[in-house]
Amino acid sequence: MIIIVFIFLIFEFYIKKLTLSINKKSIFFVLLYFITISLSIVTTIDPLAFFDIYKHIVFGLLFFFVSLMILNNKNRIRWSIYILGLTILVNYFYQLIIYFFQNFLFTFQNFFYYKYWEVLRLNLNKQKFFVDVYDSALIPVIFILFYWFKNNLAYKFYKVLAILTALFFAAVSNFRTQLLMAISSLIGAVYVSSKNKRGFISRLFGLMLILIVLSSIFRSFIESSTIERIVEPSQAETQTITTRFDWWKQSIEMGISSPLVGIGLNNFYEYLSPKTKINNLSPGSQKKLARITAAHPHSIFFQTIAETGVLGFISLMLLLIDFIKNDIYAFKRKNIPCNLIIVSFWSIFLFSIFNPPITLQYLISFWFLRALTIKLTEFSL
């Protein structure tokens, strides 16, 4: 469907029924990044692994360009944010089922995409929840929706409830990055929506107080949580951090071995040291999860160095610098909806610093938020 819509929009663009107003420099950096990733096919030793991730990147970028072409007026942009808010609500119910009604979820396992269900099930066995759900980074979207609504007590209650729900799921997910995204997006949203520095500091102080109280409550009745993993990490938790540092070290070595275009997209595991692979071969279902986990160095920067080389790393840095420059310019205009989406975008980018940013769900969320940022800079709501 994305391909069909993209071809249709390109045709309309060709016959000049559709215009695309965007910074040409930004498009250049996006295409440069895509080209350098594509070049790594030259050195790949596992083409199937390459294309397994490459297709996700392609569809993420197609979704980006489709969004840029479709969101060509204020009404469409506003409705896209409404739809984004609706997906948050749907995901809340989905996370509720995953956490509290797992048996009910298992009865519908045949409706899931097989690979997604496999990763979800393997993580559930380790008491890790909400794989590929990124609502933690979308707290600013909640602020936008209620910014447009009437500022009365009832709406304030629903706003606080929605935010606390996001924080709760981040706290019980057992993924540290989920909590990091939730806190960063919440602090950023509070900063953008505050009228002055004094108001921000007072609201931030109140927020921190609430979070401390909530963390104490969580720890009293929840056996395992993200907070526990941060405050009192077990030996296994410490080992995951040590392993990650080892992967990063090996990523640099892989990049040095093939400096120009890297070892090939999604080929990290093929070059991983035998010792590290052996350490990851745990018994039972953990063995399979360890294999999936070790397929990526868990950082977009180290992944880029290893798998796409110097060319890929330079193009990524140029792309991020361009994003930062454009977002600083947008922030100065004090367009609150735009600035809140910028906070969401960089919060979801945090995920890629410590996790594999290779799923279709993540890439579409990432590029859609980027498209929204560009369009909200052009159209003030």
Protein backbone atom coordinates (compact mmCIF):
# COMPACT_ATOMS: atom_id res chain seq x y z
CA MET A 1 0.00 0.00 0.00
CA ILE A 2 2.87 2.36 0.83
CA ILE A 3 4.48 1.61 -2.54
CA ILE A 4 1.20 2.21 -4.43
CA VAL A 5 0.57 5.52 -2.64
CA PHE A 6 4.18 6.60 -3.20
CA ILE A 7 4.01 5.88 -6.95
CA PHE A 8 0.66 7.71 -7.22
CA LEU A 9 2.05 10.77 -5.40
CA ILE A 10 5.20 10.77 -7.55
CA PHE A 11 2.98 10.75 -10.65
CA GLU A 12 0.97 13.70 -9.30
CA PHE A 13 4.22 15.48 -8.49
CA TYR A 14 5.48 14.82 -12.04
CA ILE A 15 2.37 16.32 -13.70
CA LYS A 16 2.67 19.29 -11.27
CA LYS A 17 -0.57 18.66 -9.41
CA LEU A 18 1.41 18.28 -6.21
CA THR A 19 4.16 20.43 -4.73
CA LEU A 20 6.77 19.47 -2.18
CA SER A 21 8.21 22.33 -0.18
CA ILE A 22 11.18 21.08 1.81
CA ASN A 23 14.75 22.08 2.42
CA LYS A 24 16.71 20.53 -0.46
CA LYS A 25 19.75 20.19 1.78
CA SER A 26 17.75 17.98 4.16
CA ILE A 27 16.60 15.75 1.29
CA PHE A 28 20.21 15.50 0.10
CA PHE A 29 21.41 14.31 3.54
CA VAL A 30 18.58 11.76 3.81
CA LEU A 31 19.38 10.35 0.36
CA LEU A 32 23.13 10.37 1.10
CA TYR A 33 22.50 8.34 4.26
CA PHE A 34 20.36 5.87 2.30
CA ILE A 35 22.99 5.51 -0.46
CA THR A 36 25.84 4.84 1.99
CA ILE A 37 23.75 2.18 3.74
CA SER A 38 22.99 0.59 0.37
CA LEU A 39 26.69 0.48 -0.58
CA SER A 40 27.42 -1.92 2.28
CA ILE A 41 25.84 -4.71 0.17
CA VAL A 42 29.25 -4.94 -1.54
CA THR A 43 30.95 -6.46 1.53
CA THR A 44 28.07 -8.40 3.08
CA ILE A 45 28.57 -12.16 3.58
CA ASP A 46 24.91 -12.80 4.44
CA PRO A 47 22.72 -11.10 1.79
CA LEU A 48 19.49 -12.46 3.35
CA ALA A 49 20.32 -10.77 6.68
CA PHE A 50 21.15 -7.56 4.76
CA PHE A 51 17.81 -7.43 2.94
CA ASP A 52 15.87 -8.44 6.06
CA ILE A 53 16.72 -5.04 7.59
CA TYR A 54 17.21 -3.11 4.35
CA LYS A 55 13.53 -3.52 3.45
CA HIS A 56 12.57 -1.93 6.79
CA ILE A 57 14.79 1.08 6.06
CA VAL A 58 13.33 1.42 2.57
CA PHE A 59 9.73 1.37 3.81
CA GLY A 60 10.58 3.78 6.64
CA LEU A 61 11.95 6.28 4.12
CA LEU A 62 9.02 5.72 1.74
CA PHE A 63 6.67 6.48 4.64
CA PHE A 64 8.69 9.65 5.32
CA PHE A 65 8.34 10.93 1.76
CA VAL A 66 4.67 9.94 1.55
CA SER A 67 4.01 11.85 4.79
CA LEU A 68 5.80 14.93 3.44
CA MET A 69 3.63 14.89 0.31
CA ILE A 70 0.31 14.13 2.01
CA LEU A 71 0.62 16.54 4.96
CA ASN A 72 0.34 19.64 2.78
CA ASN A 73 -2.12 21.70 4.85
CA LYS A 74 -2.95 22.48 8.48
CA ASN A 75 -6.06 20.31 8.60
CA ARG A 76 -4.22 17.16 7.50
CA ILE A 77 -1.40 17.80 9.97
CA ARG A 78 -3.88 18.28 12.81
CA TRP A 79 -5.71 15.07 11.89
CA SER A 80 -2.44 13.13 11.71
CA ILE A 81 -1.72 14.17 15.31
CA TYR A 82 -5.26 13.13 16.33
CA ILE A 83 -4.62 9.72 14.75
CA LEU A 84 -1.27 9.51 16.52
CA GLY A 85 -3.09 10.22 19.78
CA LEU A 86 -5.59 7.46 18.97
CA THR A 87 -2.75 4.98 18.45
CA ILE A 88 -1.45 5.88 21.93
CA LEU A 89 -4.84 5.01 23.39
CA VAL A 90 -4.99 1.72 21.45
CA ASN A 91 -1.47 0.85 22.59
CA TYR A 92 -2.45 1.50 26.21
CA PHE A 93 -5.10 -1.23 25.92
CA TYR A 94 -2.61 -3.49 24.14
CA GLN A 95 -0.02 -3.00 26.90
CA LEU A 96 -2.72 -3.56 29.52
CA ILE A 97 -3.49 -6.97 27.99
CA ILE A 98 0.19 -7.89 27.69
CA TYR A 99 0.95 -7.05 31.32
CA PHE A 100 -2.20 -8.17 33.15
CA PHE A 101 -3.85 -10.72 30.81
CA GLN A 102 -1.04 -12.71 29.16
CA ASN A 103 -3.13 -15.89 28.88
CA PHE A 104 -5.72 -13.96 26.88
CA LEU A 105 -2.94 -12.71 24.61
CA PHE A 106 -1.64 -16.23 23.97
CA THR A 107 -5.05 -17.38 22.72
CA PHE A 108 -4.69 -14.92 19.83
CA GLN A 109 -1.07 -15.71 18.98
CA ASN A 110 -1.99 -16.97 15.50
CA PHE A 111 -3.14 -13.45 14.55
CA PHE A 112 0.36 -12.08 15.14
CA TYR A 113 3.13 -11.84 12.58
CA TYR A 114 5.28 -14.88 13.39
CA LYS A 115 8.64 -13.09 13.91
CA TYR A 116 7.03 -10.42 16.06
CA TRP A 117 5.23 -13.01 18.18
CA GLU A 118 8.44 -15.00 18.63
CA VAL A 119 10.40 -12.01 19.96
CA LEU A 120 7.43 -10.95 22.12
CA ARG A 121 7.09 -14.43 23.63
CA LEU A 122 10.82 -14.80 24.30
CA ASN A 123 10.87 -11.46 26.11
CA LEU A 124 7.75 -12.31 28.11
CA ASN A 125 9.57 -15.39 29.39
CA LYS A 126 12.14 -13.01 30.88
CA GLN A 127 9.45 -10.71 32.30
CA LYS A 128 10.17 -8.02 29.69
CA PHE A 129 7.13 -6.32 28.18
CA PHE A 130 6.02 -4.01 25.34
CA VAL A 131 8.56 -4.95 22.66
CA ASP A 132 8.50 -2.30 19.90
CA VAL A 133 5.98 -0.04 21.64
CA TYR A 134 7.29 3.53 21.71
CA ASP A 135 4.54 5.42 23.54
CA SER A 136 7.12 6.52 26.14
CA ALA A 137 8.46 8.97 23.59
CA LEU A 138 4.99 10.24 22.63
CA ILE A 139 4.08 11.95 25.92
CA PRO A 140 4.51 15.37 24.19
CA VAL A 141 1.73 14.34 21.77
CA ILE A 142 -0.59 14.08 24.81
CA PHE A 143 0.41 17.66 25.70
CA ILE A 144 -0.46 18.80 22.14
CA LEU A 145 -3.90 17.21 22.22
CA PHE A 146 -4.81 18.78 25.54
CA TYR A 147 -3.20 22.08 24.48
CA TRP A 148 -5.91 22.24 21.81
CA PHE A 149 -8.72 21.32 24.23
CA LYS A 150 -10.40 23.47 26.88
CA ASN A 151 -8.28 24.06 29.95
CA ASN A 152 -10.74 22.80 32.59
CA LEU A 153 -10.42 20.42 35.53
CA ALA A 154 -11.81 17.38 33.69
CA TYR A 155 -9.34 17.68 30.82
CA LYS A 156 -6.46 18.20 33.28
CA PHE A 157 -7.47 14.98 35.03
CA TYR A 158 -7.47 13.01 31.75
CA LYS A 159 -4.15 14.55 30.77
CA VAL A 160 -2.50 13.55 34.05
CA LEU A 161 -4.07 10.07 33.81
CA ALA A 162 -2.69 9.57 30.28
CA ILE A 163 0.79 10.69 31.34
CA LEU A 164 0.79 8.50 34.47
CA THR A 165 -0.32 5.54 32.34
CA ALA A 166 2.67 6.05 30.02
CA LEU A 167 5.00 6.30 33.05
CA PHE A 168 3.48 3.17 34.61
CA PHE A 169 4.01 1.04 31.51
CA ALA A 170 7.56 2.39 31.12
CA ALA A 171 8.25 1.51 34.78
CA VAL A 172 6.97 -2.08 34.51
CA SER A 173 8.34 -2.79 31.03
CA ASN A 174 11.73 -3.92 32.39
CA PHE A 175 13.36 -2.02 29.53
CA ARG A 176 15.55 0.76 30.90
CA THR A 177 15.37 2.74 27.66
CA GLN A 178 11.56 2.86 27.91
CA LEU A 179 11.87 4.71 31.23
CA LEU A 180 14.61 6.95 29.83
CA MET A 181 12.38 7.90 26.88
CA ALA A 182 9.42 8.54 29.19
CA ILE A 183 11.37 10.83 31.53
CA SER A 184 13.12 12.73 28.73
CA SER A 185 9.91 13.27 26.76
CA LEU A 186 8.02 14.34 29.89
CA ILE A 187 10.70 16.80 31.03
CA GLY A 188 10.95 18.20 27.50
CA ALA A 189 7.17 18.55 27.23
CA VAL A 190 7.01 20.34 30.60
CA TYR A 191 9.78 22.71 29.48
CA VAL A 192 8.08 23.55 26.17
CA SER A 193 4.66 24.08 27.78
CA SER A 194 6.01 26.23 30.66
CA LYS A 195 5.63 29.99 30.22
CA ASN A 196 8.92 30.86 31.97
CA LYS A 197 11.95 29.31 33.69
CA ARG A 198 10.46 29.73 37.17
CA GLY A 199 7.33 27.88 36.11
CA PHE A 200 9.43 25.11 34.55
CA ILE A 201 11.55 24.65 37.67
CA SER A 202 8.53 24.53 39.98
CA ARG A 203 6.70 22.07 37.71
CA LEU A 204 9.85 19.97 37.33
CA PHE A 205 10.33 19.87 41.11
CA GLY A 206 6.71 18.75 41.57
CA LEU A 207 7.15 16.18 38.82
CA MET A 208 10.28 14.71 40.42
CA LEU A 209 8.48 14.50 43.76
CA ILE A 210 5.60 12.60 42.14
CA LEU A 211 8.03 10.24 40.38
CA ILE A 212 9.84 9.47 43.66
CA VAL A 213 6.54 8.69 45.40
CA LEU A 214 5.36 6.56 42.48
CA SER A 215 8.65 4.65 42.35
CA SER A 216 8.26 3.80 46.06
CA ILE A 217 4.71 2.58 45.43
CA PHE A 218 5.78 0.52 42.41
CA ARG A 219 8.59 -1.16 44.35
CA SER A 220 6.22 -2.14 47.15
CA PHE A 221 3.83 -4.23 45.02
CA ILE A 222 5.67 -4.93 41.74
CA GLU A 223 8.20 -7.72 42.00
CA SER A 224 10.27 -6.78 38.97
CA SER A 225 10.39 -3.39 37.29
CA THR A 226 12.59 -1.05 35.29
CA ILE A 227 13.24 0.94 38.46
CA GLU A 228 14.62 -2.17 40.16
CA ARG A 229 16.95 -2.77 37.21
CA ILE A 230 18.37 0.75 37.60
CA VAL A 231 18.44 1.13 41.42
CA GLU A 232 19.44 -2.42 42.40
CA PRO A 233 20.86 -4.17 39.32
CA SER A 234 21.47 -7.90 39.65
CA GLN A 235 24.62 -9.63 38.46
CA ALA A 236 22.81 -10.55 35.24
CA GLU A 237 21.87 -6.87 34.69
CA THR A 238 25.48 -5.81 35.18
CA GLN A 239 26.55 -8.51 32.72
CA THR A 240 24.29 -7.10 29.99
CA ILE A 241 26.01 -3.72 30.32
CA THR A 242 29.46 -5.36 30.22
CA THR A 243 28.43 -7.35 27.14
CA ARG A 244 27.22 -4.18 25.45
CA PHE A 245 30.60 -2.49 25.97
CA ASP A 246 32.26 -5.57 24.47
CA TRP A 247 29.97 -5.37 21.42
CA TRP A 248 30.85 -1.69 20.98
CA LYS A 249 34.56 -2.51 21.12
CA GLN A 250 34.12 -5.24 18.53
CA SER A 251 32.06 -2.86 16.35
CA ILE A 252 35.03 -0.51 16.11
CA GLU A 253 37.29 -3.44 15.19
CA MET A 254 34.81 -4.50 12.48
CA GLY A 255 34.74 -0.95 11.13
CA ILE A 256 38.54 -0.86 10.98
CA SER A 257 38.59 -4.19 9.13
CA SER A 258 36.37 -2.72 6.39
CA PRO A 259 36.74 1.05 6.80
CA LEU A 260 35.01 2.43 3.71
CA VAL A 261 31.59 0.71 3.53
CA GLY A 262 31.69 -1.56 6.59
CA ILE A 263 30.97 -5.27 6.89
CA GLY A 264 27.43 -5.07 5.53
CA LEU A 265 24.09 -4.10 7.03
CA ASN A 266 22.80 -6.58 9.65
CA ASN A 267 25.98 -8.69 9.39
CA PHE A 268 27.25 -7.85 12.88
CA TYR A 269 26.60 -11.34 14.28
CA GLU A 270 28.55 -12.97 11.44
CA TYR A 271 31.72 -11.17 12.59
CA LEU A 272 31.12 -11.43 16.33
CA SER A 273 33.94 -13.22 18.18
CA PRO A 274 33.33 -16.96 18.83
CA LYS A 275 33.87 -16.35 22.56
CA THR A 276 31.02 -13.84 22.68
CA LYS A 277 28.75 -16.19 20.73
CA ILE A 278 29.45 -19.02 23.17
CA ASN A 279 28.63 -16.78 26.12
CA ASN A 280 25.29 -16.01 24.50
CA LEU A 281 24.31 -19.66 24.03
CA SER A 282 22.07 -20.04 27.09
CA PRO A 283 19.84 -23.14 27.46
CA GLY A 284 16.27 -23.36 26.14
CA SER A 285 14.38 -20.34 24.87
CA GLN A 286 17.05 -18.01 26.28
CA LYS A 287 19.44 -19.35 23.65
CA LYS A 288 17.22 -18.06 20.85
CA LEU A 289 16.70 -14.68 22.53
CA ALA A 290 20.45 -14.38 23.10
CA ARG A 291 21.02 -15.05 19.38
CA ILE A 292 18.48 -12.38 18.40
CA THR A 293 19.92 -9.90 20.91
CA ALA A 294 23.52 -10.45 19.75
CA ALA A 295 22.59 -9.65 16.14
CA HIS A 296 23.06 -5.92 16.85
CA PRO A 297 25.60 -3.91 18.91
CA HIS A 298 22.71 -2.01 20.54
CA SER A 299 23.72 1.47 19.37
CA ILE A 300 23.04 3.18 16.08
CA PHE A 301 26.47 4.82 16.17
CA PHE A 302 28.44 1.59 16.67
CA GLN A 303 26.16 -0.26 14.25
CA THR A 304 26.86 2.38 11.61
CA ILE A 305 30.64 2.23 12.18
CA ALA A 306 30.71 -1.57 11.94
CA GLU A 307 28.16 -2.24 9.20
CA THR A 308 28.39 0.80 6.90
CA GLY A 309 31.89 2.09 7.61
CA VAL A 310 33.24 5.64 7.50
CA LEU A 311 30.93 6.68 4.66
CA GLY A 312 27.84 5.56 6.58
CA PHE A 313 29.02 7.15 9.84
CA ILE A 314 29.81 10.51 8.19
CA SER A 315 26.46 10.56 6.39
CA LEU A 316 24.65 9.73 9.66
CA MET A 317 26.43 12.56 11.50
CA LEU A 318 25.67 15.02 8.67
CA LEU A 319 22.01 13.98 8.80
CA LEU A 320 21.80 14.42 12.59
CA ILE A 321 23.60 17.79 12.46
CA ASP A 322 21.09 18.96 9.84
CA PHE A 323 18.21 17.78 12.08
CA ILE A 324 19.70 19.63 15.08
CA LYS A 325 20.24 22.88 13.13
CA ASN A 326 16.67 22.82 11.79
CA ASP A 327 15.22 22.02 15.22
CA ILE A 328 17.15 24.84 16.93
CA TYR A 329 15.75 27.23 14.32
CA ALA A 330 12.23 25.84 14.87
CA PHE A 331 12.54 26.16 18.67
CA LYS A 332 13.29 29.89 18.36
CA ARG A 333 9.91 30.42 16.68
CA LYS A 334 8.14 29.18 19.86
CA ASN A 335 5.59 27.11 17.95
CA ILE A 336 4.43 24.91 20.85
CA PRO A 337 2.99 21.94 18.83
CA CYS A 338 6.11 21.89 16.64
CA ASN A 339 8.46 22.05 19.64
CA LEU A 340 6.59 19.25 21.38
CA ILE A 341 6.95 17.00 18.33
CA ILE A 342 10.67 17.84 18.26
CA VAL A 343 10.90 16.62 21.87
CA SER A 344 9.13 13.40 20.86
CA PHE A 345 11.48 12.92 17.92
CA TRP A 346 14.66 13.21 19.97
CA SER A 347 13.16 11.07 22.74
CA ILE A 348 12.53 8.27 20.28
CA PHE A 349 16.05 8.80 18.91
CA LEU A 350 17.33 8.01 22.43
CA PHE A 351 16.07 4.47 21.86
CA SER A 352 18.49 4.02 18.95
CA ILE A 353 21.50 5.03 21.08
CA PHE A 354 21.10 2.00 23.37
CA ASN A 355 18.94 -0.41 21.31
CA PRO A 356 18.61 -1.82 17.78
CA PRO A 357 16.66 0.76 15.70
CA ILE A 358 15.92 -1.76 12.96
CA THR A 359 12.25 -2.77 13.28
CA LEU A 360 9.65 -1.44 10.87
CA GLN A 361 7.60 -0.11 13.81
CA TYR A 362 10.52 1.98 15.04
CA LEU A 363 11.62 3.27 11.64
CA ILE A 364 8.12 4.36 10.61
CA SER A 365 7.62 6.10 13.98
CA PHE A 366 11.02 7.80 13.65
CA TRP A 367 10.52 9.07 10.11
CA PHE A 368 6.88 10.03 10.64
CA LEU A 369 7.85 12.23 13.61
CA ARG A 370 10.59 13.75 11.46
CA ALA A 371 8.08 14.53 8.70
CA LEU A 372 5.71 16.06 11.27
CA THR A 373 8.54 18.25 12.57
CA ILE A 374 9.27 19.54 9.07
CA LYS A 375 5.60 20.20 8.31
CA LEU A 376 4.90 21.91 11.65
CA THR A 377 7.82 24.25 10.91
CA GLU A 378 6.09 25.16 7.66
CA PHE A 379 2.51 25.32 9.01
CA SER A 380 1.93 26.85 12.47
CA LEU A 381 -1.06 25.28 14.25
